[in-house]
PDB file of all heavy atoms in Angstrom:
ATOM      1  N   PHE A   1     -11.539  51.315  11.460  1.00  0.00           N
ATOM      2  CA  PHE A   1     -10.733  51.020  10.264  1.00  0.00           C
ATOM      3  C   PHE A   1     -11.413  51.528   9.012  1.00  0.00           C
ATOM      4  O   PHE A   1     -10.857  52.257   8.206  1.00  0.00           O
ATOM      5  CB  PHE A   1     -10.384  49.532  10.203  1.00  0.00           C
ATOM      6  CG  PHE A   1      -9.787  49.123   8.894  1.00  0.00           C
ATOM      7  CD1 PHE A   1      -8.480  49.437   8.587  1.00  0.00           C
ATOM      8  CD2 PHE A   1     -10.553  48.369   7.992  1.00  0.00           C
ATOM      9  CE1 PHE A   1      -7.911  49.072   7.390  1.00  0.00           C
ATOM     10  CE2 PHE A   1      -9.938  47.977   6.791  1.00  0.00           C
ATOM     11  CZ  PHE A   1      -8.696  48.263   6.470  1.00  0.00           C
ATOM     12  N   PHE A   2     -12.701  51.133   8.841  1.00  0.00           N
ATOM     13  CA  PHE A   2     -13.414  51.526   7.618  1.00  0.00           C
ATOM     14  C   PHE A   2     -13.672  52.984   7.536  1.00  0.00           C
ATOM     15  O   PHE A   2     -13.710  53.590   6.458  1.00  0.00           O
ATOM     16  CB  PHE A   2     -14.665  50.671   7.486  1.00  0.00           C
ATOM     17  CG  PHE A   2     -14.469  49.232   7.091  1.00  0.00           C
ATOM     18  CD1 PHE A   2     -14.884  48.202   7.895  1.00  0.00           C
ATOM     19  CD2 PHE A   2     -13.836  48.934   5.891  1.00  0.00           C
ATOM     20  CE1 PHE A   2     -14.690  46.878   7.574  1.00  0.00           C
ATOM     21  CE2 PHE A   2     -13.655  47.619   5.519  1.00  0.00           C
ATOM     22  CZ  PHE A   2     -14.059  46.605   6.308  1.00  0.00           C
ATOM     23  N   ALA A   3     -13.851  53.609   8.697  1.00  0.00           N
ATOM     24  CA  ALA A   3     -13.986  55.085   8.703  1.00  0.00           C
ATOM     25  C   ALA A   3     -12.779  55.790   8.228  1.00  0.00           C
ATOM     26  O   ALA A   3     -12.817  56.689   7.400  1.00  0.00           O
ATOM     27  CB  ALA A   3     -14.373  55.538  10.119  1.00  0.00           C
ATOM     28  N   SER A   4     -11.607  55.338   8.686  1.00  0.00           N
ATOM     29  CA  SER A   4     -10.365  55.916   8.234  1.00  0.00           C
ATOM     30  C   SER A   4     -10.121  55.651   6.798  1.00  0.00           C
ATOM     31  O   SER A   4      -9.612  56.523   6.044  1.00  0.00           O
ATOM     32  CB  SER A   4      -9.187  55.368   9.090  1.00  0.00           C
ATOM     33  OG  SER A   4      -9.046  53.980   8.963  1.00  0.00           O
ATOM     34  N   VAL A   5     -10.463  54.462   6.310  1.00  0.00           N
ATOM     35  CA  VAL A   5     -10.294  54.157   4.859  1.00  0.00           C
ATOM     36  C   VAL A   5     -11.221  55.065   4.046  1.00  0.00           C
ATOM     37  O   VAL A   5     -10.807  55.569   2.967  1.00  0.00           O
ATOM     38  CB  VAL A   5     -10.643  52.682   4.553  1.00  0.00           C
ATOM     39  CG1 VAL A   5     -10.700  52.403   3.053  1.00  0.00           C
ATOM     40  CG2 VAL A   5      -9.613  51.778   5.203  1.00  0.00           C
ATOM     41  N   CYS A   6     -12.398  55.340   4.499  1.00  0.00           N
ATOM     42  CA  CYS A   6     -13.369  56.210   3.784  1.00  0.00           C
ATOM     43  C   CYS A   6     -12.775  57.610   3.692  1.00  0.00           C
ATOM     44  O   CYS A   6     -12.916  58.250   2.667  1.00  0.00           O
ATOM     45  CB  CYS A   6     -14.680  56.191   4.558  1.00  0.00           C
ATOM     46  SG  CYS A   6     -15.990  57.062   3.675  1.00  0.00           S
ATOM     47  N   ILE A   7     -12.124  58.080   4.758  1.00  0.00           N
ATOM     48  CA  ILE A   7     -11.544  59.420   4.757  1.00  0.00           C
ATOM     49  C   ILE A   7     -10.431  59.497   3.733  1.00  0.00           C
ATOM     50  O   ILE A   7     -10.238  60.448   3.021  1.00  0.00           O
ATOM     51  CB  ILE A   7     -11.007  59.738   6.220  1.00  0.00           C
ATOM     52  CG1 ILE A   7     -12.208  59.907   7.161  1.00  0.00           C
ATOM     53  CG2 ILE A   7     -10.231  61.031   6.136  1.00  0.00           C
ATOM     54  CD1 ILE A   7     -11.796  59.814   8.596  1.00  0.00           C
ATOM     55  N   VAL A   8      -9.611  58.431   3.677  1.00  0.00           N
ATOM     56  CA  VAL A   8      -8.566  58.354   2.672  1.00  0.00           C
ATOM     57  C   VAL A   8      -9.166  58.421   1.252  1.00  0.00           C
ATOM     58  O   VAL A   8      -8.637  59.090   0.394  1.00  0.00           O
ATOM     59  CB  VAL A   8      -7.707  57.075   2.843  1.00  0.00           C
ATOM     60  CG1 VAL A   8      -6.757  56.885   1.690  1.00  0.00           C
ATOM     61  CG2 VAL A   8      -6.963  57.117   4.178  1.00  0.00           C
ATOM     62  N   LEU A   9     -10.266  57.681   1.021  1.00  0.00           N
ATOM     63  CA  LEU A   9     -10.892  57.698  -0.258  1.00  0.00           C
ATOM     64  C   LEU A   9     -11.380  59.140  -0.642  1.00  0.00           C
ATOM     65  O   LEU A   9     -11.273  59.572  -1.753  1.00  0.00           O
ATOM     66  CB  LEU A   9     -12.052  56.725  -0.307  1.00  0.00           C
ATOM     67  CG  LEU A   9     -11.696  55.220  -0.296  1.00  0.00           C
ATOM     68  CD1 LEU A   9     -12.942  54.387  -0.221  1.00  0.00           C
ATOM     69  CD2 LEU A   9     -10.858  54.826  -1.446  1.00  0.00           C
ATOM     70  N   LEU A  10     -11.903  59.829   0.361  1.00  0.00           N
ATOM     71  CA  LEU A  10     -12.381  61.222   0.173  1.00  0.00           C
ATOM     72  C   LEU A  10     -11.173  62.124  -0.172  1.00  0.00           C
ATOM     73  O   LEU A  10     -11.345  63.123  -0.952  1.00  0.00           O
ATOM     74  CB  LEU A  10     -13.025  61.731   1.385  1.00  0.00           C
ATOM     75  CG  LEU A  10     -14.419  61.148   1.728  1.00  0.00           C
ATOM     76  CD1 LEU A  10     -14.868  61.627   3.078  1.00  0.00           C
ATOM     77  CD2 LEU A  10     -15.402  61.428   0.643  1.00  0.00           C
ATOM     78  N   SER A  11      -9.999  61.798   0.324  1.00  0.00           N
ATOM     79  CA  SER A  11      -8.824  62.558   0.012  1.00  0.00           C
ATOM     80  C   SER A  11      -8.335  62.320  -1.441  1.00  0.00           C
ATOM     81  O   SER A  11      -7.882  63.233  -2.117  1.00  0.00           O
ATOM     82  CB  SER A  11      -7.685  62.211   0.966  1.00  0.00           C
ATOM     83  OG  SER A  11      -8.023  62.461   2.302  1.00  0.00           O
ATOM     84  N   VAL A  12      -8.471  61.072  -1.834  1.00  0.00           N
ATOM     85  CA  VAL A  12      -7.969  60.680  -3.184  1.00  0.00           C
ATOM     86  C   VAL A  12      -8.954  61.103  -4.301  1.00  0.00           C
ATOM     87  O   VAL A  12      -8.549  61.397  -5.376  1.00  0.00           O
ATOM     88  CB  VAL A  12      -7.730  59.127  -3.232  1.00  0.00           C
ATOM     89  CG1 VAL A  12      -7.419  58.695  -4.606  1.00  0.00           C
ATOM     90  CG2 VAL A  12      -6.642  58.796  -2.272  1.00  0.00           C
ATOM     91  N   LEU A  13     -10.218  61.088  -3.973  1.00  0.00           N
ATOM     92  CA  LEU A  13     -11.249  61.317  -5.003  1.00  0.00           C
ATOM     93  C   LEU A  13     -11.057  62.623  -5.822  1.00  0.00           C
ATOM     94  O   LEU A  13     -11.164  62.522  -7.065  1.00  0.00           O
ATOM     95  CB  LEU A  13     -12.626  61.357  -4.314  1.00  0.00           C
ATOM     96  CG  LEU A  13     -13.886  61.259  -5.235  1.00  0.00           C
ATOM     97  CD1 LEU A  13     -13.836  60.001  -6.025  1.00  0.00           C
ATOM     98  CD2 LEU A  13     -15.177  61.363  -4.431  1.00  0.00           C
ATOM     99  N   PRO A  14     -10.681  63.741  -5.233  1.00  0.00           N
ATOM    100  CA  PRO A  14     -10.493  64.940  -6.052  1.00  0.00           C
ATOM    101  C   PRO A  14      -9.376  64.840  -7.065  1.00  0.00           C
ATOM    102  O   PRO A  14      -9.340  65.539  -8.060  1.00  0.00           O
ATOM    103  CB  PRO A  14     -10.149  66.032  -4.994  1.00  0.00           C
ATOM    104  CG  PRO A  14     -10.801  65.562  -3.767  1.00  0.00           C
ATOM    105  CD  PRO A  14     -10.602  64.064  -3.801  1.00  0.00           C
ATOM    106  N   THR A  15      -8.441  63.897  -6.868  1.00  0.00           N
ATOM    107  CA  THR A  15      -7.313  63.763  -7.804  1.00  0.00           C
ATOM    108  C   THR A  15      -7.758  63.186  -9.135  1.00  0.00           C
ATOM    109  O   THR A  15      -7.018  63.178 -10.086  1.00  0.00           O
ATOM    110  CB  THR A  15      -6.170  62.892  -7.217  1.00  0.00           C
ATOM    111  OG1 THR A  15      -6.668  61.570  -6.990  1.00  0.00           O
ATOM    112  CG2 THR A  15      -5.685  63.472  -5.859  1.00  0.00           C
ATOM    113  N   PHE A  16      -9.028  62.719  -9.212  1.00  0.00           N
ATOM    114  CA  PHE A  16      -9.543  62.223 -10.461  1.00  0.00           C
ATOM    115  C   PHE A  16      -9.588  63.359 -11.514  1.00  0.00           C
ATOM    116  O   PHE A  16      -9.594  63.075 -12.713  1.00  0.00           O
ATOM    117  CB  PHE A  16     -10.947  61.597 -10.275  1.00  0.00           C
ATOM    118  CG  PHE A  16     -10.926  60.193  -9.844  1.00  0.00           C
ATOM    119  CD1 PHE A  16      -9.971  59.706  -8.956  1.00  0.00           C
ATOM    120  CD2 PHE A  16     -11.922  59.290 -10.253  1.00  0.00           C
ATOM    121  CE1 PHE A  16      -9.957  58.395  -8.514  1.00  0.00           C
ATOM    122  CE2 PHE A  16     -11.907  57.948  -9.837  1.00  0.00           C
ATOM    123  CZ  PHE A  16     -10.920  57.526  -8.972  1.00  0.00           C
ATOM    124  N   LEU A  17      -9.621  64.566 -11.041  1.00  0.00           N
ATOM    125  CA  LEU A  17      -9.557  65.761 -11.951  1.00  0.00           C
ATOM    126  C   LEU A  17      -8.239  65.744 -12.706  1.00  0.00           C
ATOM    127  O   LEU A  17      -8.222  66.284 -13.838  1.00  0.00           O
ATOM    128  CB  LEU A  17      -9.742  67.032 -11.145  1.00  0.00           C
ATOM    129  CG  LEU A  17     -11.122  67.307 -10.517  1.00  0.00           C
ATOM    130  CD1 LEU A  17     -11.069  68.551  -9.635  1.00  0.00           C
ATOM    131  CD2 LEU A  17     -12.184  67.419 -11.529  1.00  0.00           C
ATOM    132  N   TYR A  18      -7.221  65.198 -12.128  1.00  0.00           N
ATOM    133  CA  TYR A  18      -5.884  65.173 -12.797  1.00  0.00           C
ATOM    134  C   TYR A  18      -5.964  64.316 -14.074  1.00  0.00           C
ATOM    135  O   TYR A  18      -5.278  64.588 -15.036  1.00  0.00           O
ATOM    136  CB  TYR A  18      -4.816  64.649 -11.836  1.00  0.00           C
ATOM    137  CG  TYR A  18      -4.558  65.434 -10.563  1.00  0.00           C
ATOM    138  CD1 TYR A  18      -3.905  64.853  -9.565  1.00  0.00           C
ATOM    139  CD2 TYR A  18      -4.972  66.771 -10.537  1.00  0.00           C
ATOM    140  CE1 TYR A  18      -3.630  65.594  -8.385  1.00  0.00           C
ATOM    141  CE2 TYR A  18      -4.724  67.506  -9.316  1.00  0.00           C
ATOM    142  CZ  TYR A  18      -4.091  66.940  -8.294  1.00  0.00           C
ATOM    143  OH  TYR A  18      -3.797  67.610  -7.142  1.00  0.00           O
ATOM    144  N   ILE A  19      -6.841  63.345 -14.025  1.00  0.00           N
ATOM    145  CA  ILE A  19      -6.955  62.441 -15.222  1.00  0.00           C
ATOM    146  C   ILE A  19      -7.425  63.230 -16.409  1.00  0.00           C
ATOM    147  O   ILE A  19      -6.972  63.103 -17.487  1.00  0.00           O
ATOM    148  CB  ILE A  19      -7.919  61.258 -14.919  1.00  0.00           C
ATOM    149  CG1 ILE A  19      -7.396  60.464 -13.809  1.00  0.00           C
ATOM    150  CG2 ILE A  19      -8.069  60.402 -16.146  1.00  0.00           C
ATOM    151  CD1 ILE A  19      -8.301  59.289 -13.365  1.00  0.00           C
ATOM    152  N   ILE A  20      -8.453  64.140 -16.131  1.00  0.00           N
ATOM    153  CA  ILE A  20      -9.001  64.960 -17.208  1.00  0.00           C
ATOM    154  C   ILE A  20      -7.940  65.884 -17.766  1.00  0.00           C
ATOM    155  O   ILE A  20      -7.798  66.087 -18.985  1.00  0.00           O
ATOM    156  CB  ILE A  20     -10.196  65.780 -16.682  1.00  0.00           C
ATOM    157  CG1 ILE A  20     -11.305  64.825 -16.137  1.00  0.00           C
ATOM    158  CG2 ILE A  20     -10.742  66.717 -17.758  1.00  0.00           C
ATOM    159  CD1 ILE A  20     -12.474  65.538 -15.457  1.00  0.00           C
ATOM    160  N   CYS A  21      -7.175  66.474 -16.833  1.00  0.00           N
ATOM    161  CA  CYS A  21      -6.114  67.401 -17.261  1.00  0.00           C
ATOM    162  C   CYS A  21      -5.047  66.714 -18.153  1.00  0.00           C
ATOM    163  O   CYS A  21      -4.667  67.241 -19.144  1.00  0.00           O
ATOM    164  CB  CYS A  21      -5.420  68.005 -16.019  1.00  0.00           C
ATOM    165  SG  CYS A  21      -6.491  69.061 -15.025  1.00  0.00           S
ATOM    166  N   VAL A  22      -4.604  65.547 -17.680  1.00  0.00           N
ATOM    167  CA  VAL A  22      -3.530  64.823 -18.401  1.00  0.00           C
ATOM    168  C   VAL A  22      -4.115  64.294 -19.682  1.00  0.00           C
ATOM    169  O   VAL A  22      -3.422  64.223 -20.714  1.00  0.00           O
ATOM    170  CB  VAL A  22      -2.985  63.695 -17.544  1.00  0.00           C
ATOM    171  CG1 VAL A  22      -2.025  62.807 -18.353  1.00  0.00           C
ATOM    172  CG2 VAL A  22      -2.283  64.218 -16.310  1.00  0.00           C
ATOM    173  N   TYR A  23      -5.416  63.942 -19.671  1.00  0.00           N
ATOM    174  CA  TYR A  23      -6.077  63.459 -20.909  1.00  0.00           C
ATOM    175  C   TYR A  23      -6.006  64.527 -22.015  1.00  0.00           C
ATOM    176  O   TYR A  23      -5.699  64.258 -23.130  1.00  0.00           O
ATOM    177  CB  TYR A  23      -7.509  63.144 -20.587  1.00  0.00           C
ATOM    178  CG  TYR A  23      -8.310  62.552 -21.717  1.00  0.00           C
ATOM    179  CD1 TYR A  23      -8.404  61.184 -21.941  1.00  0.00           C
ATOM    180  CD2 TYR A  23      -9.046  63.344 -22.631  1.00  0.00           C
ATOM    181  CE1 TYR A  23      -9.115  60.654 -22.975  1.00  0.00           C
ATOM    182  CE2 TYR A  23      -9.773  62.847 -23.644  1.00  0.00           C
ATOM    183  CZ  TYR A  23      -9.785  61.450 -23.819  1.00  0.00           C
ATOM    184  OH  TYR A  23     -10.518  60.922 -24.857  1.00  0.00           O
ATOM    185  N   GLN A  24      -6.200  65.793 -21.590  1.00  0.00           N
ATOM    186  CA  GLN A  24      -6.154  66.879 -22.551  1.00  0.00           C
ATOM    187  C   GLN A  24      -4.763  67.254 -23.009  1.00  0.00           C
ATOM    188  O   GLN A  24      -4.552  67.781 -24.094  1.00  0.00           O
ATOM    189  CB  GLN A  24      -6.793  68.148 -21.899  1.00  0.00           C
ATOM    190  CG  GLN A  24      -8.274  68.016 -21.625  1.00  0.00           C
ATOM    191  CD  GLN A  24      -9.130  67.831 -22.838  1.00  0.00           C
ATOM    192  OE1 GLN A  24      -8.886  68.418 -23.879  1.00  0.00           O
ATOM    193  NE2 GLN A  24     -10.137  66.937 -22.775  1.00  0.00           N
ATOM    194  N   LEU A  25      -3.740  66.860 -22.210  1.00  0.00           N
ATOM    195  CA  LEU A  25      -2.388  67.194 -22.522  1.00  0.00           C
ATOM    196  C   LEU A  25      -1.761  66.126 -23.499  1.00  0.00           C
ATOM    197  O   LEU A  25      -0.694  66.386 -24.046  1.00  0.00           O
ATOM    198  CB  LEU A  25      -1.549  67.237 -21.274  1.00  0.00           C
ATOM    199  CG  LEU A  25      -1.736  68.396 -20.320  1.00  0.00           C
ATOM    200  CD1 LEU A  25      -0.988  68.181 -19.031  1.00  0.00           C
ATOM    201  CD2 LEU A  25      -1.363  69.720 -20.974  1.00  0.00           C
ATOM    202  N   GLY A  26      -2.451  65.001 -23.680  1.00  0.00           N
ATOM    203  CA  GLY A  26      -1.944  63.953 -24.572  1.00  0.00           C
ATOM    204  C   GLY A  26      -1.812  64.498 -26.005  1.00  0.00           C
ATOM    205  O   GLY A  26      -2.471  65.435 -26.466  1.00  0.00           O
ATOM    206  N   SER A  27      -0.899  63.863 -26.780  1.00  0.00           N
ATOM    207  CA  SER A  27      -0.692  64.209 -28.169  1.00  0.00           C
ATOM    208  C   SER A  27      -0.777  62.881 -29.004  1.00  0.00           C
ATOM    209  O   SER A  27       0.177  62.104 -28.982  1.00  0.00           O
ATOM    210  CB  SER A  27       0.652  64.876 -28.355  1.00  0.00           C
ATOM    211  OG  SER A  27       0.831  65.235 -29.696  1.00  0.00           O
TER     212      SER A  27
END
């Protein structure tokens, strides 16, 4: 179970880059 959760976290982690992108798009 925890191994599969860890894999899911690894999948989600790169999407943190989207925060930077949207941060720059703010007005």
